[in-house]
Amino acid sequence: MINVYSYVLDTLADWELGYVTAELNSGQYFKKQSDNVSVKTVGATKDSIVTKGGITVIPEITVDEIISEPSTVLLLPGADIWDDPKHTPIIDKATELLECGATVAAICSATTALADAGVFDKRIHTSNSLEYLKMICPNYKGELYYRDVKAVADGNLITASSAGGLLFARNILAKLGVFSEDTLEAWYNYFNTGDSKYFYSLMQTLEK
């Protein structure tokens, strides 16, 4: 079982995790005999939050209920309030998860919280821009490891800019191995280009 935890907080950028949570939750394109995946929302508390798109979400669990094991995946979305101390526990948990071999994936402003905690000091990463991290994060010391790309993976750490949601999802799906290589390639090409030939290719990979 792969336990995927999607952290939710007020002003969450709905679209940034849309591709990856939809695929992991539905399993519609999973390869045969793929590991089962459980997707749960986790919050600082179980109080409801409101996303940037105005959707109310009630977290299923709190941070202390996250299972820390190598198969765990933690998704950290962009939001406007990552500097609120109430979110410190999830960043501490992210550090713990990385150390035990679990996967942590952060996009947009969630990267600032990791940067400020020193997670990026010796790990390849990206964000909205290098200047953005240096401006927002006074403790950031990872400039040598910054990559100016939409999304990047360094072992069990996956990061992305606000424009990198699709590639971010691809990197996570590739890390988990729940799609076949052919399915993942066709899936990414279809959503990246909109060319229908890739949709048909995607369907054909599922018939094998």
N, C-alpha and C. Protein backbone atom coordinates (compact mmCIF):
# COMPACT_ATOMS: atom_id res chain seq x y z
N MET A 1 0.84 -1.20 0.00
CA MET A 1 0.00 0.00 0.00
C MET A 1 0.87 1.25 0.00
N ILE A 2 0.57 2.16 -0.90
CA ILE A 2 1.23 3.46 -0.94
C ILE A 2 0.30 4.48 -0.30
N ASN A 3 0.74 5.09 0.79
CA ASN A 3 -0.06 6.12 1.46
C ASN A 3 0.36 7.49 0.96
N VAL A 4 -0.58 8.18 0.31
CA VAL A 4 -0.33 9.53 -0.21
C VAL A 4 -1.11 10.52 0.64
N TYR A 5 -0.42 11.52 1.14
CA TYR A 5 -1.05 12.54 1.98
C TYR A 5 -0.95 13.88 1.28
N SER A 6 -2.09 14.48 1.06
CA SER A 6 -2.15 15.81 0.42
C SER A 6 -2.45 16.84 1.49
N TYR A 7 -1.48 17.69 1.77
CA TYR A 7 -1.67 18.70 2.81
C TYR A 7 -2.60 19.79 2.29
N VAL A 8 -3.56 20.18 3.13
CA VAL A 8 -4.52 21.21 2.73
C VAL A 8 -4.48 22.36 3.73
N LEU A 9 -4.52 23.56 3.21
CA LEU A 9 -4.48 24.76 4.03
C LEU A 9 -5.21 25.87 3.29
N ASP A 10 -5.67 26.87 4.04
CA ASP A 10 -6.40 27.98 3.42
C ASP A 10 -5.58 28.61 2.30
N THR A 11 -6.27 29.00 1.25
CA THR A 11 -5.71 29.60 0.02
C THR A 11 -4.95 28.60 -0.84
N LEU A 12 -5.10 27.31 -0.56
CA LEU A 12 -4.46 26.27 -1.37
C LEU A 12 -4.73 26.50 -2.85
N ALA A 13 -3.70 26.39 -3.67
CA ALA A 13 -3.84 26.57 -5.13
C ALA A 13 -4.39 25.27 -5.73
N ASP A 14 -5.69 25.24 -5.94
CA ASP A 14 -6.40 24.02 -6.32
C ASP A 14 -5.76 23.27 -7.49
N TRP A 15 -5.36 24.01 -8.51
CA TRP A 15 -4.92 23.42 -9.78
C TRP A 15 -3.56 22.74 -9.70
N GLU A 16 -2.75 23.11 -8.72
CA GLU A 16 -1.37 22.64 -8.71
C GLU A 16 -1.22 21.15 -8.42
N LEU A 17 -2.14 20.58 -7.68
CA LEU A 17 -2.09 19.15 -7.39
C LEU A 17 -3.14 18.37 -8.17
N GLY A 18 -3.89 19.05 -9.02
CA GLY A 18 -5.02 18.43 -9.69
C GLY A 18 -4.67 17.20 -10.51
N TYR A 19 -3.62 17.30 -11.32
CA TYR A 19 -3.25 16.16 -12.17
C TYR A 19 -2.85 14.94 -11.33
N VAL A 20 -2.00 15.16 -10.36
CA VAL A 20 -1.47 14.01 -9.64
C VAL A 20 -2.49 13.38 -8.70
N THR A 21 -3.28 14.19 -8.00
CA THR A 21 -4.25 13.60 -7.07
C THR A 21 -5.36 12.88 -7.83
N ALA A 22 -5.76 13.41 -8.98
CA ALA A 22 -6.80 12.75 -9.77
C ALA A 22 -6.34 11.37 -10.23
N GLU A 23 -5.10 11.28 -10.69
CA GLU A 23 -4.61 10.00 -11.20
C GLU A 23 -4.35 9.01 -10.07
N LEU A 24 -3.79 9.47 -8.97
CA LEU A 24 -3.50 8.56 -7.87
C LEU A 24 -4.78 8.08 -7.19
N ASN A 25 -5.77 8.95 -7.10
CA ASN A 25 -7.01 8.57 -6.44
C ASN A 25 -7.87 7.66 -7.31
N SER A 26 -7.94 7.95 -8.60
CA SER A 26 -8.81 7.17 -9.49
C SER A 26 -8.16 5.86 -9.92
N GLY A 27 -6.85 5.88 -10.11
CA GLY A 27 -6.16 4.68 -10.58
C GLY A 27 -6.54 4.26 -11.99
N GLN A 28 -7.16 5.19 -12.74
CA GLN A 28 -7.72 4.82 -14.04
C GLN A 28 -6.68 4.37 -15.07
N TYR A 29 -5.45 4.84 -14.92
CA TYR A 29 -4.41 4.46 -15.88
C TYR A 29 -3.31 3.61 -15.25
N PHE A 30 -3.57 3.08 -14.07
CA PHE A 30 -2.56 2.26 -13.41
C PHE A 30 -2.26 1.00 -14.23
N LYS A 31 -1.03 0.57 -14.15
CA LYS A 31 -0.67 -0.68 -14.80
C LYS A 31 -1.23 -1.85 -14.00
N LYS A 32 -1.30 -3.00 -14.64
CA LYS A 32 -1.80 -4.19 -13.95
C LYS A 32 -0.87 -4.56 -12.81
N GLN A 33 -1.47 -5.02 -11.72
CA GLN A 33 -0.73 -5.44 -10.53
C GLN A 33 0.06 -4.29 -9.90
N SER A 34 -0.43 -3.06 -10.08
CA SER A 34 0.19 -1.92 -9.41
C SER A 34 -0.13 -1.97 -7.92
N ASP A 35 0.73 -1.35 -7.12
CA ASP A 35 0.44 -1.23 -5.70
C ASP A 35 -0.85 -0.44 -5.50
N ASN A 36 -1.61 -0.79 -4.46
CA ASN A 36 -2.78 -0.01 -4.11
C ASN A 36 -2.34 1.34 -3.54
N VAL A 37 -3.12 2.37 -3.83
CA VAL A 37 -2.79 3.71 -3.38
C VAL A 37 -3.94 4.29 -2.56
N SER A 38 -3.62 4.82 -1.42
CA SER A 38 -4.59 5.51 -0.57
C SER A 38 -4.25 6.99 -0.57
N VAL A 39 -5.20 7.85 -0.93
CA VAL A 39 -4.98 9.30 -0.95
C VAL A 39 -5.84 9.94 0.13
N LYS A 40 -5.20 10.63 1.06
CA LYS A 40 -5.94 11.29 2.14
C LYS A 40 -5.50 12.75 2.26
N THR A 41 -6.44 13.59 2.66
CA THR A 41 -6.11 14.99 2.95
C THR A 41 -5.69 15.09 4.41
N VAL A 42 -4.70 15.93 4.65
CA VAL A 42 -4.19 16.12 6.00
C VAL A 42 -4.09 17.61 6.28
N GLY A 43 -4.46 18.00 7.48
CA GLY A 43 -4.41 19.41 7.84
C GLY A 43 -3.69 19.64 9.14
N ALA A 44 -3.41 20.89 9.43
CA ALA A 44 -2.82 21.24 10.72
C ALA A 44 -3.78 20.87 11.85
N THR A 45 -5.07 21.02 11.56
CA THR A 45 -6.16 20.57 12.44
C THR A 45 -7.21 19.94 11.53
N LYS A 46 -8.30 19.50 12.09
CA LYS A 46 -9.39 18.96 11.28
C LYS A 46 -10.43 20.02 10.94
N ASP A 47 -10.10 21.28 11.22
CA ASP A 47 -10.99 22.37 10.83
C ASP A 47 -10.98 22.50 9.32
N SER A 48 -12.12 22.88 8.75
CA SER A 48 -12.22 23.01 7.30
C SER A 48 -11.33 24.15 6.80
N ILE A 49 -10.87 24.01 5.57
CA ILE A 49 -10.09 25.07 4.93
C ILE A 49 -10.82 25.46 3.64
N VAL A 50 -10.48 26.61 3.12
CA VAL A 50 -11.08 27.08 1.86
C VAL A 50 -9.96 27.33 0.87
N THR A 51 -10.03 26.67 -0.27
CA THR A 51 -8.99 26.80 -1.29
C THR A 51 -9.09 28.15 -2.00
N LYS A 52 -8.09 28.44 -2.79
CA LYS A 52 -8.10 29.69 -3.55
C LYS A 52 -9.28 29.73 -4.51
N GLY A 53 -9.71 28.56 -4.95
CA GLY A 53 -10.87 28.47 -5.85
C GLY A 53 -12.20 28.51 -5.12
N GLY A 54 -12.17 28.63 -3.80
CA GLY A 54 -13.41 28.75 -3.03
C GLY A 54 -14.03 27.43 -2.62
N ILE A 55 -13.27 26.34 -2.73
CA ILE A 55 -13.78 25.02 -2.36
C ILE A 55 -13.44 24.73 -0.90
N THR A 56 -14.44 24.30 -0.15
CA THR A 56 -14.23 23.95 1.25
C THR A 56 -13.80 22.50 1.36
N VAL A 57 -12.72 22.27 2.10
CA VAL A 57 -12.18 20.92 2.29
C VAL A 57 -12.05 20.67 3.79
N ILE A 58 -12.52 19.51 4.23
CA ILE A 58 -12.35 19.11 5.63
C ILE A 58 -11.26 18.04 5.68
N PRO A 59 -10.13 18.32 6.29
CA PRO A 59 -9.04 17.35 6.35
C PRO A 59 -9.49 16.04 6.99
N GLU A 60 -9.02 14.94 6.43
CA GLU A 60 -9.38 13.62 6.96
C GLU A 60 -8.56 13.27 8.19
N ILE A 61 -7.32 13.71 8.20
CA ILE A 61 -6.44 13.41 9.33
C ILE A 61 -5.59 14.64 9.66
N THR A 62 -4.85 14.56 10.75
CA THR A 62 -3.91 15.63 11.12
C THR A 62 -2.49 15.09 10.98
N VAL A 63 -1.54 16.00 11.09
CA VAL A 63 -0.14 15.68 10.81
C VAL A 63 0.38 14.50 11.63
N ASP A 64 -0.03 14.41 12.89
CA ASP A 64 0.49 13.35 13.75
C ASP A 64 0.00 11.96 13.35
N GLU A 65 -0.96 11.89 12.43
CA GLU A 65 -1.48 10.59 11.98
C GLU A 65 -0.79 10.08 10.72
N ILE A 66 0.11 10.87 10.16
CA ILE A 66 0.84 10.44 8.96
C ILE A 66 1.75 9.26 9.29
N ILE A 67 1.68 8.23 8.47
CA ILE A 67 2.52 7.05 8.65
C ILE A 67 3.89 7.31 8.01
N SER A 68 4.93 7.26 8.82
CA SER A 68 6.28 7.52 8.32
C SER A 68 6.95 6.22 7.91
N GLU A 69 6.96 5.94 6.63
CA GLU A 69 7.63 4.78 6.09
C GLU A 69 8.06 5.09 4.67
N PRO A 70 9.00 4.34 4.11
CA PRO A 70 9.56 4.66 2.80
C PRO A 70 8.53 4.77 1.68
N SER A 71 7.41 4.07 1.76
CA SER A 71 6.41 4.11 0.69
C SER A 71 5.49 5.33 0.77
N THR A 72 5.59 6.10 1.84
CA THR A 72 4.74 7.27 2.03
C THR A 72 5.08 8.38 1.04
N VAL A 73 4.04 9.11 0.62
CA VAL A 73 4.22 10.28 -0.25
C VAL A 73 3.49 11.47 0.38
N LEU A 74 4.17 12.58 0.52
CA LEU A 74 3.57 13.81 1.04
C LEU A 74 3.55 14.86 -0.05
N LEU A 75 2.36 15.38 -0.35
CA LEU A 75 2.19 16.42 -1.36
C LEU A 75 1.95 17.76 -0.67
N LEU A 76 2.76 18.76 -1.01
CA LEU A 76 2.65 20.09 -0.41
C LEU A 76 2.32 21.10 -1.50
N PRO A 77 1.12 21.67 -1.48
CA PRO A 77 0.68 22.60 -2.53
C PRO A 77 1.07 24.05 -2.23
N GLY A 78 0.98 24.87 -3.24
CA GLY A 78 1.17 26.29 -3.04
C GLY A 78 -0.01 26.89 -2.26
N ALA A 79 0.27 27.94 -1.53
CA ALA A 79 -0.75 28.67 -0.77
C ALA A 79 -0.12 29.99 -0.34
N ASP A 80 -0.96 30.91 0.12
CA ASP A 80 -0.46 32.24 0.49
C ASP A 80 -0.01 32.34 1.95
N ILE A 81 -0.18 31.27 2.73
CA ILE A 81 0.03 31.39 4.17
C ILE A 81 1.04 30.39 4.72
N TRP A 82 2.02 30.01 3.91
CA TRP A 82 3.01 29.06 4.39
C TRP A 82 3.87 29.61 5.52
N ASP A 83 3.89 30.93 5.69
CA ASP A 83 4.70 31.52 6.76
C ASP A 83 4.00 31.47 8.12
N ASP A 84 2.77 30.97 8.16
CA ASP A 84 2.05 30.85 9.43
C ASP A 84 2.68 29.72 10.25
N PRO A 85 3.06 29.99 11.51
CA PRO A 85 3.71 28.97 12.34
C PRO A 85 2.89 27.69 12.52
N LYS A 86 1.59 27.74 12.31
CA LYS A 86 0.76 26.55 12.48
C LYS A 86 1.14 25.45 11.49
N HIS A 87 1.87 25.83 10.43
CA HIS A 87 2.25 24.83 9.44
C HIS A 87 3.67 24.28 9.66
N THR A 88 4.32 24.72 10.71
CA THR A 88 5.64 24.19 11.04
C THR A 88 5.65 22.67 11.23
N PRO A 89 4.64 22.09 11.89
CA PRO A 89 4.65 20.63 12.09
C PRO A 89 4.70 19.83 10.79
N ILE A 90 4.05 20.29 9.73
CA ILE A 90 4.08 19.51 8.49
C ILE A 90 5.45 19.61 7.83
N ILE A 91 6.14 20.72 8.01
CA ILE A 91 7.49 20.85 7.47
C ILE A 91 8.46 19.98 8.27
N ASP A 92 8.27 19.92 9.56
CA ASP A 92 9.06 19.00 10.38
C ASP A 92 8.82 17.56 9.95
N LYS A 93 7.56 17.25 9.67
CA LYS A 93 7.21 15.90 9.22
C LYS A 93 7.82 15.62 7.86
N ALA A 94 7.84 16.62 6.98
CA ALA A 94 8.45 16.44 5.66
C ALA A 94 9.93 16.08 5.79
N THR A 95 10.62 16.76 6.69
CA THR A 95 12.04 16.46 6.94
C THR A 95 12.22 15.04 7.45
N GLU A 96 11.36 14.64 8.36
CA GLU A 96 11.39 13.28 8.90
C GLU A 96 11.15 12.25 7.80
N LEU A 97 10.19 12.53 6.93
CA LEU A 97 9.87 11.61 5.85
C LEU A 97 11.03 11.46 4.87
N LEU A 98 11.65 12.57 4.52
CA LEU A 98 12.80 12.51 3.61
C LEU A 98 13.91 11.66 4.20
N GLU A 99 14.13 11.80 5.49
CA GLU A 99 15.20 11.06 6.15
C GLU A 99 14.92 9.56 6.19
N CYS A 100 13.63 9.17 6.19
CA CYS A 100 13.32 7.74 6.25
C CYS A 100 13.14 7.14 4.86
N GLY A 101 13.33 7.97 3.81
CA GLY A 101 13.25 7.46 2.45
C GLY A 101 11.92 7.65 1.77
N ALA A 102 10.98 8.31 2.45
CA ALA A 102 9.68 8.59 1.85
C ALA A 102 9.82 9.72 0.83
N THR A 103 8.79 9.91 0.03
CA THR A 103 8.80 10.94 -1.02
C THR A 103 8.07 12.19 -0.56
N VAL A 104 8.70 13.33 -0.74
CA VAL A 104 8.09 14.63 -0.46
C VAL A 104 8.08 15.43 -1.75
N ALA A 105 6.90 15.93 -2.12
CA ALA A 105 6.74 16.70 -3.35
C ALA A 105 6.11 18.04 -3.04
N ALA A 106 6.84 19.11 -3.35
CA ALA A 106 6.38 20.47 -3.02
C ALA A 106 6.35 21.33 -4.28
N ILE A 107 5.32 22.14 -4.40
CA ILE A 107 5.15 22.98 -5.57
C ILE A 107 4.88 24.43 -5.15
N CYS A 108 5.35 25.35 -5.97
CA CYS A 108 5.08 26.78 -5.79
C CYS A 108 5.56 27.24 -4.41
N SER A 109 4.74 27.94 -3.66
CA SER A 109 5.18 28.53 -2.40
C SER A 109 5.45 27.51 -1.30
N ALA A 110 5.00 26.27 -1.47
CA ALA A 110 5.37 25.25 -0.49
C ALA A 110 6.88 25.05 -0.48
N THR A 111 7.53 25.36 -1.60
CA THR A 111 8.99 25.23 -1.65
C THR A 111 9.67 26.21 -0.70
N THR A 112 9.04 27.34 -0.44
CA THR A 112 9.66 28.33 0.45
C THR A 112 9.76 27.80 1.87
N ALA A 113 8.74 27.06 2.29
CA ALA A 113 8.76 26.51 3.64
C ALA A 113 9.88 25.48 3.79
N LEU A 114 10.09 24.68 2.75
CA LEU A 114 11.18 23.70 2.79
C LEU A 114 12.53 24.39 2.72
N ALA A 115 12.62 25.42 1.88
CA ALA A 115 13.87 26.16 1.75
C ALA A 115 14.26 26.81 3.06
N ASP A 116 13.30 27.39 3.73
CA ASP A 116 13.58 28.09 4.99
C ASP A 116 13.99 27.11 6.09
N ALA A 117 13.55 25.86 5.95
CA ALA A 117 13.88 24.84 6.95
C ALA A 117 15.21 24.16 6.65
N GLY A 118 15.87 24.55 5.56
CA GLY A 118 17.17 23.99 5.23
C GLY A 118 17.13 22.72 4.39
N VAL A 119 15.93 22.32 3.95
CA VAL A 119 15.79 21.09 3.19
C VAL A 119 16.54 21.16 1.86
N PHE A 120 16.64 22.37 1.29
CA PHE A 120 17.25 22.52 -0.04
C PHE A 120 18.75 22.81 0.01
N ASP A 121 19.33 22.86 1.19
CA ASP A 121 20.72 23.28 1.30
C ASP A 121 21.68 22.39 0.51
N LYS A 122 21.34 21.09 0.41
CA LYS A 122 22.22 20.17 -0.31
C LYS A 122 21.44 19.23 -1.23
N ARG A 123 20.27 19.68 -1.69
CA ARG A 123 19.45 18.87 -2.58
C ARG A 123 19.08 19.68 -3.82
N ILE A 124 19.13 19.04 -4.97
CA ILE A 124 18.68 19.71 -6.20
C ILE A 124 17.20 20.02 -6.09
N HIS A 125 16.82 21.23 -6.50
CA HIS A 125 15.44 21.67 -6.33
C HIS A 125 15.12 22.80 -7.30
N THR A 126 13.84 23.15 -7.37
CA THR A 126 13.42 24.34 -8.10
C THR A 126 12.31 25.03 -7.33
N SER A 127 11.86 26.15 -7.87
CA SER A 127 10.77 26.91 -7.26
C SER A 127 10.26 27.88 -8.32
N ASN A 128 9.61 28.94 -7.91
CA ASN A 128 9.10 29.91 -8.89
C ASN A 128 10.24 30.69 -9.54
N SER A 129 11.33 30.86 -8.83
CA SER A 129 12.58 31.42 -9.38
C SER A 129 13.58 31.44 -8.24
N LEU A 130 14.84 31.53 -8.59
CA LEU A 130 15.88 31.61 -7.57
C LEU A 130 15.73 32.90 -6.77
N GLU A 131 15.43 33.99 -7.46
CA GLU A 131 15.27 35.28 -6.79
C GLU A 131 14.11 35.24 -5.80
N TYR A 132 13.08 34.51 -6.17
CA TYR A 132 11.90 34.35 -5.30
C TYR A 132 12.30 33.67 -4.00
N LEU A 133 13.03 32.59 -4.09
CA LEU A 133 13.46 31.89 -2.87
C LEU A 133 14.36 32.78 -2.01
N LYS A 134 15.29 33.47 -2.63
CA LYS A 134 16.22 34.31 -1.88
C LYS A 134 15.50 35.48 -1.21
N MET A 135 14.44 35.96 -1.85
CA MET A 135 13.69 37.08 -1.29
C MET A 135 12.80 36.64 -0.13
N ILE A 136 12.16 35.47 -0.28
CA ILE A 136 11.19 35.01 0.71
C ILE A 136 11.84 34.29 1.88
N CYS A 137 12.98 33.64 1.63
CA CYS A 137 13.56 32.74 2.63
C CYS A 137 14.92 33.23 3.13
N PRO A 138 14.95 33.91 4.26
CA PRO A 138 16.21 34.44 4.77
C PRO A 138 17.23 33.36 5.13
N ASN A 139 16.76 32.14 5.40
CA ASN A 139 17.68 31.06 5.80
C ASN A 139 18.13 30.19 4.63
N TYR A 140 17.71 30.53 3.43
CA TYR A 140 18.00 29.71 2.26
C TYR A 140 19.49 29.73 1.92
N LYS A 141 20.07 28.54 1.77
CA LYS A 141 21.50 28.43 1.44
C LYS A 141 21.74 27.44 0.30
N GLY A 142 20.71 27.18 -0.50
CA GLY A 142 20.84 26.14 -1.51
C GLY A 142 21.01 26.62 -2.93
N GLU A 143 21.51 27.84 -3.11
CA GLU A 143 21.60 28.42 -4.44
C GLU A 143 22.34 27.53 -5.44
N LEU A 144 23.38 26.86 -5.01
CA LEU A 144 24.17 26.02 -5.91
C LEU A 144 23.38 24.82 -6.42
N TYR A 145 22.32 24.47 -5.72
CA TYR A 145 21.53 23.30 -6.08
C TYR A 145 20.23 23.67 -6.80
N TYR A 146 20.04 24.95 -7.05
CA TYR A 146 18.82 25.39 -7.72
C TYR A 146 18.88 25.10 -9.22
N ARG A 147 17.77 24.65 -9.79
CA ARG A 147 17.67 24.40 -11.22
C ARG A 147 16.51 25.22 -11.79
N ASP A 148 16.77 25.96 -12.85
CA ASP A 148 15.76 26.84 -13.45
C ASP A 148 14.90 26.05 -14.44
N VAL A 149 14.06 25.18 -13.90
CA VAL A 149 13.18 24.33 -14.70
C VAL A 149 11.79 24.31 -14.05
N LYS A 150 10.80 23.78 -14.77
CA LYS A 150 9.44 23.73 -14.22
C LYS A 150 9.32 22.76 -13.06
N ALA A 151 10.01 21.64 -13.15
CA ALA A 151 9.95 20.64 -12.09
C ALA A 151 11.21 19.79 -12.14
N VAL A 152 11.62 19.29 -10.99
CA VAL A 152 12.84 18.49 -10.93
C VAL A 152 12.72 17.49 -9.78
N ALA A 153 13.35 16.34 -9.96
CA ALA A 153 13.39 15.33 -8.91
C ALA A 153 14.83 15.08 -8.50
N ASP A 154 15.06 14.98 -7.21
CA ASP A 154 16.37 14.60 -6.67
C ASP A 154 16.12 13.50 -5.66
N GLY A 155 16.22 12.27 -6.11
CA GLY A 155 15.91 11.15 -5.23
C GLY A 155 14.46 11.18 -4.81
N ASN A 156 14.24 11.29 -3.51
CA ASN A 156 12.86 11.28 -3.00
C ASN A 156 12.31 12.68 -2.74
N LEU A 157 12.98 13.70 -3.25
CA LEU A 157 12.47 15.07 -3.18
C LEU A 157 12.09 15.54 -4.58
N ILE A 158 10.84 15.98 -4.74
CA ILE A 158 10.35 16.47 -6.02
C ILE A 158 9.82 17.89 -5.81
N THR A 159 10.27 18.81 -6.65
CA THR A 159 9.84 20.20 -6.50
C THR A 159 9.41 20.77 -7.85
N ALA A 160 8.60 21.82 -7.80
CA ALA A 160 8.10 22.43 -9.03
C ALA A 160 7.74 23.88 -8.82
N SER A 161 7.75 24.62 -9.93
CA SER A 161 7.28 26.00 -9.92
C SER A 161 5.76 26.01 -10.05
N SER A 162 5.17 27.18 -9.91
CA SER A 162 3.72 27.30 -10.03
C SER A 162 3.23 26.93 -11.43
N ALA A 163 4.13 26.97 -12.42
CA ALA A 163 3.77 26.62 -13.79
C ALA A 163 4.08 25.16 -14.12
N GLY A 164 4.50 24.40 -13.12
CA GLY A 164 4.99 23.05 -13.40
C GLY A 164 4.10 21.92 -12.95
N GLY A 165 2.81 22.17 -12.76
CA GLY A 165 1.92 21.15 -12.22
C GLY A 165 1.90 19.84 -12.99
N LEU A 166 1.91 19.91 -14.31
CA LEU A 166 1.84 18.69 -15.12
C LEU A 166 3.14 17.88 -15.02
N LEU A 167 4.27 18.56 -15.18
CA LEU A 167 5.56 17.86 -15.08
C LEU A 167 5.79 17.36 -13.65
N PHE A 168 5.34 18.12 -12.69
CA PHE A 168 5.38 17.73 -11.28
C PHE A 168 4.66 16.39 -11.11
N ALA A 169 3.45 16.30 -11.68
CA ALA A 169 2.68 15.07 -11.61
C ALA A 169 3.41 13.92 -12.28
N ARG A 170 3.99 14.20 -13.44
CA ARG A 170 4.72 13.14 -14.15
C ARG A 170 5.86 12.60 -13.29
N ASN A 171 6.60 13.49 -12.67
CA ASN A 171 7.72 13.06 -11.84
C ASN A 171 7.27 12.20 -10.66
N ILE A 172 6.15 12.57 -10.07
CA ILE A 172 5.62 11.80 -8.94
C ILE A 172 5.14 10.43 -9.41
N LEU A 173 4.40 10.41 -10.51
CA LEU A 173 3.89 9.14 -11.04
C LEU A 173 5.05 8.22 -11.44
N ALA A 174 6.09 8.81 -12.01
CA ALA A 174 7.27 8.02 -12.39
C ALA A 174 7.95 7.46 -11.15
N LYS A 175 8.07 8.26 -10.11
CA LYS A 175 8.71 7.82 -8.87
C LYS A 175 7.96 6.64 -8.26
N LEU A 176 6.64 6.69 -8.30
CA LEU A 176 5.82 5.65 -7.69
C LEU A 176 5.70 4.41 -8.57
N GLY A 177 5.91 4.57 -9.88
CA GLY A 177 5.86 3.43 -10.78
C GLY A 177 4.49 2.82 -10.96
N VAL A 178 3.43 3.60 -10.77
CA VAL A 178 2.08 3.06 -10.88
C VAL A 178 1.58 3.00 -12.33
N PHE A 179 2.19 3.79 -13.21
CA PHE A 179 1.90 3.71 -14.65
C PHE A 179 3.01 2.89 -15.32
N SER A 180 2.67 2.23 -16.42
CA SER A 180 3.74 1.67 -17.24
C SER A 180 4.47 2.83 -17.91
N GLU A 181 5.67 2.60 -18.38
CA GLU A 181 6.44 3.68 -19.02
C GLU A 181 5.72 4.21 -20.25
N ASP A 182 5.12 3.32 -21.05
CA ASP A 182 4.41 3.74 -22.25
C ASP A 182 3.18 4.57 -21.91
N THR A 183 2.46 4.16 -20.87
CA THR A 183 1.27 4.90 -20.45
C THR A 183 1.65 6.29 -19.96
N LEU A 184 2.69 6.36 -19.14
CA LEU A 184 3.11 7.65 -18.59
C LEU A 184 3.55 8.60 -19.70
N GLU A 185 4.29 8.09 -20.67
CA GLU A 185 4.75 8.93 -21.78
C GLU A 185 3.57 9.47 -22.58
N ALA A 186 2.62 8.58 -22.91
CA ALA A 186 1.46 9.00 -23.70
C ALA A 186 0.57 9.96 -22.90
N TRP A 187 0.39 9.66 -21.63
CA TRP A 187 -0.42 10.53 -20.75
C TRP A 187 0.17 11.93 -20.70
N TYR A 188 1.46 12.02 -20.46
CA TYR A 188 2.11 13.32 -20.37
C TYR A 188 2.05 14.06 -21.71
N ASN A 189 2.34 13.37 -22.79
CA ASN A 189 2.33 14.03 -24.10
C ASN A 189 0.94 14.54 -24.47
N TYR A 190 -0.08 13.79 -24.10
CA TYR A 190 -1.44 14.25 -24.42
C TYR A 190 -1.79 15.53 -23.67
N PHE A 191 -1.57 15.53 -22.38
CA PHE A 191 -1.94 16.72 -21.61
C PHE A 191 -0.98 17.89 -21.85
N ASN A 192 0.22 17.59 -22.27
CA ASN A 192 1.19 18.64 -22.55
C ASN A 192 0.94 19.32 -23.89
N THR A 193 0.45 18.54 -24.88
CA THR A 193 0.27 19.09 -26.23
C THR A 193 -1.18 19.23 -26.66
N GLY A 194 -2.06 18.40 -26.11
CA GLY A 194 -3.45 18.41 -26.54
C GLY A 194 -3.68 17.66 -27.84
N ASP A 195 -2.64 17.04 -28.37
CA ASP A 195 -2.74 16.32 -29.64
C ASP A 195 -3.46 14.99 -29.40
N SER A 196 -4.56 14.77 -30.12
CA SER A 196 -5.39 13.59 -29.90
C SER A 196 -4.66 12.27 -30.18
N LYS A 197 -3.61 12.33 -31.00
CA LYS A 197 -2.91 11.08 -31.29
C LYS A 197 -2.33 10.47 -30.02
N TYR A 198 -1.97 11.33 -29.08
CA TYR A 198 -1.43 10.81 -27.83
C TYR A 198 -2.51 10.20 -26.95
N PHE A 199 -3.73 10.72 -27.09
CA PHE A 199 -4.84 10.11 -26.34
C PHE A 199 -5.08 8.69 -26.82
N TYR A 200 -5.07 8.50 -28.14
CA TYR A 200 -5.27 7.16 -28.68
C TYR A 200 -4.11 6.25 -28.29
N SER A 201 -2.90 6.80 -28.28
CA SER A 201 -1.75 6.02 -27.83
C SER A 201 -1.92 5.61 -26.36
N LEU A 202 -2.44 6.55 -25.58
CA LEU A 202 -2.68 6.26 -24.16
C LEU A 202 -3.65 5.10 -24.01
N MET A 203 -4.75 5.15 -24.76
CA MET A 203 -5.74 4.09 -24.67
C MET A 203 -5.15 2.74 -25.10
N GLN A 204 -4.30 2.78 -26.10
CA GLN A 204 -3.70 1.53 -26.59
C GLN A 204 -2.76 0.91 -25.56
N THR A 205 -2.09 1.76 -24.77
CA THR A 205 -1.19 1.20 -23.77
C THR A 205 -1.97 0.44 -22.71
N LEU A 206 -3.23 0.79 -22.51
CA LEU A 206 -4.04 0.15 -21.48
C LEU A 206 -4.59 -1.19 -21.94
N GLU A 207 -4.52 -1.44 -23.24
CA GLU A 207 -5.08 -2.67 -23.79
C GLU A 207 -4.07 -3.81 -23.76
N LYS A 208 -2.85 -3.49 -23.43
CA LYS A 208 -1.78 -4.51 -23.46
C LYS A 208 -1.92 -5.45 -22.27
